[in-house]
Amino acid sequence: MQAVIETLLLILDLYKWVVIIAAVMSWLTAFNVINPHNEVVRGISTVIWNLTEPVLRPIRSVLPNMGGVDLSPIVVIIGIYFLERLIVTSLRPVLLP
């Protein structure tokens, strides 16, 4: 059971980094630092978008319009942190003697 808990925590941590990368890439694209027409950048952006958009879209629909500022990645990161703390403090002591 320890391996399942550790794997779940690793997946949550990796997804947190994917959300951070998506936010940074959106800023870099908005400020024309990276070229979205480049094939490599477009491929990476597509993968990142496909990984994050199913989670971010419902949160964006609930959050109020902040004038172009997207707070949904912050909400997802806070949610991931909550899940990690829940697993570590509540589930791990119960499941592992």
N, C-alpha and C. Protein backbone atom coordinates (compact mmCIF):
# COMPACT_ATOMS: atom_id res chain seq x y z
N MET A 1 0.82 -1.19 0.00
CA MET A 1 0.00 0.00 0.00
C MET A 1 0.86 1.26 0.00
N GLN A 2 2.04 1.16 0.59
CA GLN A 2 2.97 2.29 0.60
C GLN A 2 3.32 2.72 -0.82
N ALA A 3 3.52 1.75 -1.72
CA ALA A 3 3.87 2.06 -3.10
C ALA A 3 2.73 2.80 -3.80
N VAL A 4 1.51 2.44 -3.52
CA VAL A 4 0.36 3.12 -4.15
C VAL A 4 0.28 4.57 -3.67
N ILE A 5 0.46 4.78 -2.40
CA ILE A 5 0.40 6.14 -1.84
C ILE A 5 1.53 6.99 -2.41
N GLU A 6 2.74 6.45 -2.45
CA GLU A 6 3.88 7.20 -2.97
C GLU A 6 3.70 7.51 -4.46
N THR A 7 3.16 6.57 -5.22
CA THR A 7 2.91 6.79 -6.65
C THR A 7 1.85 7.86 -6.85
N LEU A 8 0.80 7.83 -6.05
CA LEU A 8 -0.24 8.85 -6.14
C LEU A 8 0.32 10.24 -5.82
N LEU A 9 1.15 10.33 -4.80
CA LEU A 9 1.78 11.60 -4.46
C LEU A 9 2.70 12.09 -5.57
N LEU A 10 3.42 11.18 -6.22
CA LEU A 10 4.28 11.55 -7.34
C LEU A 10 3.47 12.06 -8.52
N ILE A 11 2.37 11.41 -8.83
CA ILE A 11 1.50 11.85 -9.93
C ILE A 11 0.94 13.24 -9.64
N LEU A 12 0.50 13.47 -8.42
CA LEU A 12 -0.01 14.80 -8.06
C LEU A 12 1.08 15.86 -8.18
N ASP A 13 2.28 15.53 -7.75
CA ASP A 13 3.39 16.48 -7.85
C ASP A 13 3.74 16.77 -9.30
N LEU A 14 3.78 15.75 -10.14
CA LEU A 14 4.06 15.96 -11.57
C LEU A 14 2.98 16.81 -12.23
N TYR A 15 1.72 16.56 -11.89
CA TYR A 15 0.64 17.34 -12.48
C TYR A 15 0.72 18.80 -12.04
N LYS A 16 1.15 19.02 -10.82
CA LYS A 16 1.33 20.39 -10.34
C LYS A 16 2.35 21.11 -11.22
N TRP A 17 3.44 20.43 -11.57
CA TRP A 17 4.45 21.04 -12.44
C TRP A 17 3.92 21.26 -13.85
N VAL A 18 3.06 20.37 -14.34
CA VAL A 18 2.47 20.57 -15.67
C VAL A 18 1.60 21.82 -15.67
N VAL A 19 0.85 22.04 -14.61
CA VAL A 19 0.01 23.24 -14.50
C VAL A 19 0.89 24.50 -14.46
N ILE A 20 1.99 24.45 -13.73
CA ILE A 20 2.90 25.60 -13.68
C ILE A 20 3.51 25.86 -15.05
N ILE A 21 3.92 24.82 -15.75
CA ILE A 21 4.47 24.97 -17.09
C ILE A 21 3.45 25.56 -18.04
N ALA A 22 2.19 25.13 -17.92
CA ALA A 22 1.13 25.68 -18.78
C ALA A 22 0.94 27.17 -18.53
N ALA A 23 0.98 27.58 -17.28
CA ALA A 23 0.81 29.01 -16.96
C ALA A 23 1.99 29.82 -17.50
N VAL A 24 3.19 29.33 -17.32
CA VAL A 24 4.37 30.05 -17.81
C VAL A 24 4.37 30.11 -19.33
N MET A 25 4.00 29.02 -19.98
CA MET A 25 3.94 29.03 -21.45
C MET A 25 2.90 30.01 -21.96
N SER A 26 1.78 30.13 -21.26
CA SER A 26 0.76 31.09 -21.70
C SER A 26 1.27 32.52 -21.56
N TRP A 27 2.03 32.80 -20.49
CA TRP A 27 2.61 34.14 -20.33
C TRP A 27 3.64 34.41 -21.41
N LEU A 28 4.51 33.44 -21.67
CA LEU A 28 5.55 33.62 -22.68
C LEU A 28 4.96 33.80 -24.07
N THR A 29 3.88 33.11 -24.35
CA THR A 29 3.20 33.28 -25.63
C THR A 29 2.53 34.65 -25.71
N ALA A 30 1.91 35.08 -24.64
CA ALA A 30 1.23 36.38 -24.63
C ALA A 30 2.20 37.54 -24.83
N PHE A 31 3.40 37.41 -24.31
CA PHE A 31 4.39 38.48 -24.44
C PHE A 31 5.35 38.27 -25.62
N ASN A 32 5.00 37.34 -26.52
CA ASN A 32 5.78 37.05 -27.73
C ASN A 32 7.23 36.67 -27.43
N VAL A 33 7.45 35.99 -26.33
CA VAL A 33 8.79 35.50 -26.02
C VAL A 33 9.04 34.19 -26.78
N ILE A 34 8.01 33.36 -26.86
CA ILE A 34 8.11 32.14 -27.67
C ILE A 34 7.15 32.26 -28.84
N ASN A 35 7.51 31.64 -29.93
CA ASN A 35 6.74 31.71 -31.16
C ASN A 35 5.76 30.54 -31.21
N PRO A 36 4.45 30.79 -31.13
CA PRO A 36 3.49 29.68 -31.16
C PRO A 36 3.38 29.02 -32.54
N HIS A 37 3.98 29.61 -33.56
CA HIS A 37 3.94 29.03 -34.90
C HIS A 37 5.08 28.05 -35.13
N ASN A 38 6.03 28.00 -34.21
CA ASN A 38 7.12 27.03 -34.29
C ASN A 38 6.54 25.65 -34.04
N GLU A 39 6.96 24.68 -34.84
CA GLU A 39 6.38 23.33 -34.76
C GLU A 39 6.65 22.67 -33.41
N VAL A 40 7.84 22.82 -32.87
CA VAL A 40 8.19 22.22 -31.57
C VAL A 40 7.37 22.86 -30.45
N VAL A 41 7.31 24.18 -30.47
CA VAL A 41 6.55 24.90 -29.43
C VAL A 41 5.07 24.54 -29.53
N ARG A 42 4.56 24.45 -30.75
CA ARG A 42 3.15 24.09 -30.94
C ARG A 42 2.88 22.68 -30.42
N GLY A 43 3.80 21.75 -30.66
CA GLY A 43 3.62 20.38 -30.17
C GLY A 43 3.61 20.31 -28.65
N ILE A 44 4.56 21.00 -28.03
CA ILE A 44 4.62 21.03 -26.56
C ILE A 44 3.37 21.70 -26.00
N SER A 45 2.96 22.81 -26.61
CA SER A 45 1.77 23.52 -26.15
C SER A 45 0.53 22.65 -26.25
N THR A 46 0.42 21.89 -27.33
CA THR A 46 -0.74 21.02 -27.51
C THR A 46 -0.79 19.94 -26.43
N VAL A 47 0.35 19.34 -26.13
CA VAL A 47 0.39 18.31 -25.08
C VAL A 47 0.02 18.91 -23.73
N ILE A 48 0.63 20.04 -23.41
CA ILE A 48 0.35 20.69 -22.13
C ILE A 48 -1.13 21.10 -22.05
N TRP A 49 -1.65 21.66 -23.14
CA TRP A 49 -3.06 22.09 -23.16
C TRP A 49 -3.98 20.89 -22.97
N ASN A 50 -3.70 19.77 -23.65
CA ASN A 50 -4.54 18.57 -23.51
C ASN A 50 -4.49 17.98 -22.11
N LEU A 51 -3.37 18.16 -21.41
CA LEU A 51 -3.26 17.65 -20.05
C LEU A 51 -3.96 18.54 -19.03
N THR A 52 -3.94 19.85 -19.26
CA THR A 52 -4.46 20.77 -18.23
C THR A 52 -5.87 21.27 -18.49
N GLU A 53 -6.26 21.39 -19.72
CA GLU A 53 -7.55 22.03 -20.03
C GLU A 53 -8.76 21.30 -19.44
N PRO A 54 -8.81 19.96 -19.42
CA PRO A 54 -9.98 19.31 -18.79
C PRO A 54 -10.14 19.65 -17.31
N VAL A 55 -9.07 19.99 -16.62
CA VAL A 55 -9.16 20.36 -15.20
C VAL A 55 -9.40 21.86 -15.05
N LEU A 56 -8.74 22.67 -15.88
CA LEU A 56 -8.84 24.12 -15.74
C LEU A 56 -10.16 24.69 -16.25
N ARG A 57 -10.74 24.10 -17.30
CA ARG A 57 -11.96 24.65 -17.90
C ARG A 57 -13.12 24.75 -16.91
N PRO A 58 -13.45 23.69 -16.14
CA PRO A 58 -14.57 23.83 -15.19
C PRO A 58 -14.30 24.87 -14.11
N ILE A 59 -13.05 25.03 -13.71
CA ILE A 59 -12.72 26.02 -12.70
C ILE A 59 -12.88 27.42 -13.28
N ARG A 60 -12.46 27.61 -14.53
CA ARG A 60 -12.62 28.92 -15.18
C ARG A 60 -14.09 29.31 -15.29
N SER A 61 -14.95 28.32 -15.51
CA SER A 61 -16.37 28.64 -15.66
C SER A 61 -17.00 29.08 -14.33
N VAL A 62 -16.39 28.69 -13.21
CA VAL A 62 -16.93 29.06 -11.89
C VAL A 62 -16.34 30.38 -11.40
N LEU A 63 -15.06 30.62 -11.68
CA LEU A 63 -14.40 31.83 -11.20
C LEU A 63 -14.95 33.07 -11.90
N PRO A 64 -15.03 34.18 -11.20
CA PRO A 64 -15.47 35.42 -11.85
C PRO A 64 -14.41 35.94 -12.82
N ASN A 65 -14.84 36.75 -13.77
CA ASN A 65 -13.93 37.35 -14.74
C ASN A 65 -13.03 38.35 -14.03
N MET A 66 -11.73 38.15 -14.15
CA MET A 66 -10.77 39.01 -13.47
C MET A 66 -10.06 39.95 -14.44
N GLY A 67 -10.66 40.21 -15.58
CA GLY A 67 -10.07 41.13 -16.53
C GLY A 67 -8.84 40.60 -17.23
N GLY A 68 -8.87 39.36 -17.66
CA GLY A 68 -7.76 38.78 -18.39
C GLY A 68 -6.77 38.01 -17.54
N VAL A 69 -6.93 38.03 -16.24
CA VAL A 69 -6.04 37.29 -15.35
C VAL A 69 -6.70 35.95 -15.04
N ASP A 70 -5.98 34.88 -15.34
CA ASP A 70 -6.52 33.54 -15.13
C ASP A 70 -6.01 32.99 -13.79
N LEU A 71 -6.93 32.83 -12.85
CA LEU A 71 -6.58 32.33 -11.53
C LEU A 71 -6.80 30.83 -11.38
N SER A 72 -7.28 30.18 -12.42
CA SER A 72 -7.57 28.75 -12.32
C SER A 72 -6.34 27.89 -12.03
N PRO A 73 -5.14 28.20 -12.56
CA PRO A 73 -3.98 27.39 -12.16
C PRO A 73 -3.68 27.47 -10.66
N ILE A 74 -3.91 28.62 -10.07
CA ILE A 74 -3.68 28.77 -8.62
C ILE A 74 -4.66 27.90 -7.85
N VAL A 75 -5.91 27.87 -8.30
CA VAL A 75 -6.92 27.05 -7.64
C VAL A 75 -6.55 25.57 -7.75
N VAL A 76 -6.08 25.15 -8.92
CA VAL A 76 -5.69 23.75 -9.10
C VAL A 76 -4.49 23.40 -8.23
N ILE A 77 -3.51 24.28 -8.15
CA ILE A 77 -2.33 24.01 -7.32
C ILE A 77 -2.72 23.92 -5.84
N ILE A 78 -3.62 24.79 -5.40
CA ILE A 78 -4.10 24.72 -4.02
C ILE A 78 -4.86 23.41 -3.79
N GLY A 79 -5.66 23.00 -4.77
CA GLY A 79 -6.38 21.72 -4.67
C GLY A 79 -5.43 20.53 -4.60
N ILE A 80 -4.37 20.56 -5.41
CA ILE A 80 -3.38 19.48 -5.37
C ILE A 80 -2.67 19.47 -4.02
N TYR A 81 -2.33 20.63 -3.51
CA TYR A 81 -1.68 20.71 -2.20
C TYR A 81 -2.60 20.12 -1.12
N PHE A 82 -3.90 20.46 -1.20
CA PHE A 82 -4.86 19.93 -0.24
C PHE A 82 -4.92 18.40 -0.32
N LEU A 83 -4.97 17.86 -1.53
CA LEU A 83 -5.01 16.40 -1.69
C LEU A 83 -3.74 15.74 -1.15
N GLU A 84 -2.60 16.34 -1.43
CA GLU A 84 -1.35 15.79 -0.91
C GLU A 84 -1.33 15.78 0.62
N ARG A 85 -1.75 16.86 1.22
CA ARG A 85 -1.78 16.93 2.69
C ARG A 85 -2.80 15.95 3.24
N LEU A 86 -3.94 15.79 2.58
CA LEU A 86 -4.96 14.85 3.01
C LEU A 86 -4.42 13.42 2.99
N ILE A 87 -3.71 13.09 1.92
CA ILE A 87 -3.14 11.75 1.81
C ILE A 87 -2.08 11.52 2.89
N VAL A 88 -1.21 12.49 3.06
CA VAL A 88 -0.10 12.32 4.00
C VAL A 88 -0.58 12.29 5.45
N THR A 89 -1.49 13.18 5.80
CA THR A 89 -1.88 13.29 7.21
C THR A 89 -3.04 12.39 7.61
N SER A 90 -3.94 12.08 6.68
CA SER A 90 -5.11 11.32 7.05
C SER A 90 -5.08 9.87 6.56
N LEU A 91 -4.77 9.68 5.30
CA LEU A 91 -4.86 8.34 4.73
C LEU A 91 -3.66 7.45 5.05
N ARG A 92 -2.46 8.03 5.00
CA ARG A 92 -1.26 7.22 5.22
C ARG A 92 -1.25 6.58 6.62
N PRO A 93 -1.55 7.33 7.70
CA PRO A 93 -1.54 6.67 9.02
C PRO A 93 -2.63 5.61 9.18
N VAL A 94 -3.74 5.78 8.48
CA VAL A 94 -4.83 4.80 8.59
C VAL A 94 -4.50 3.55 7.79
N LEU A 95 -3.96 3.74 6.58
CA LEU A 95 -3.70 2.59 5.71
C LEU A 95 -2.41 1.85 6.05
N LEU A 96 -1.45 2.58 6.60
CA LEU A 96 -0.18 1.95 6.94
C LEU A 96 0.00 1.93 8.45
N PRO A 97 0.10 0.76 9.04
CA PRO A 97 0.23 0.68 10.51
C PRO A 97 1.56 1.18 11.01
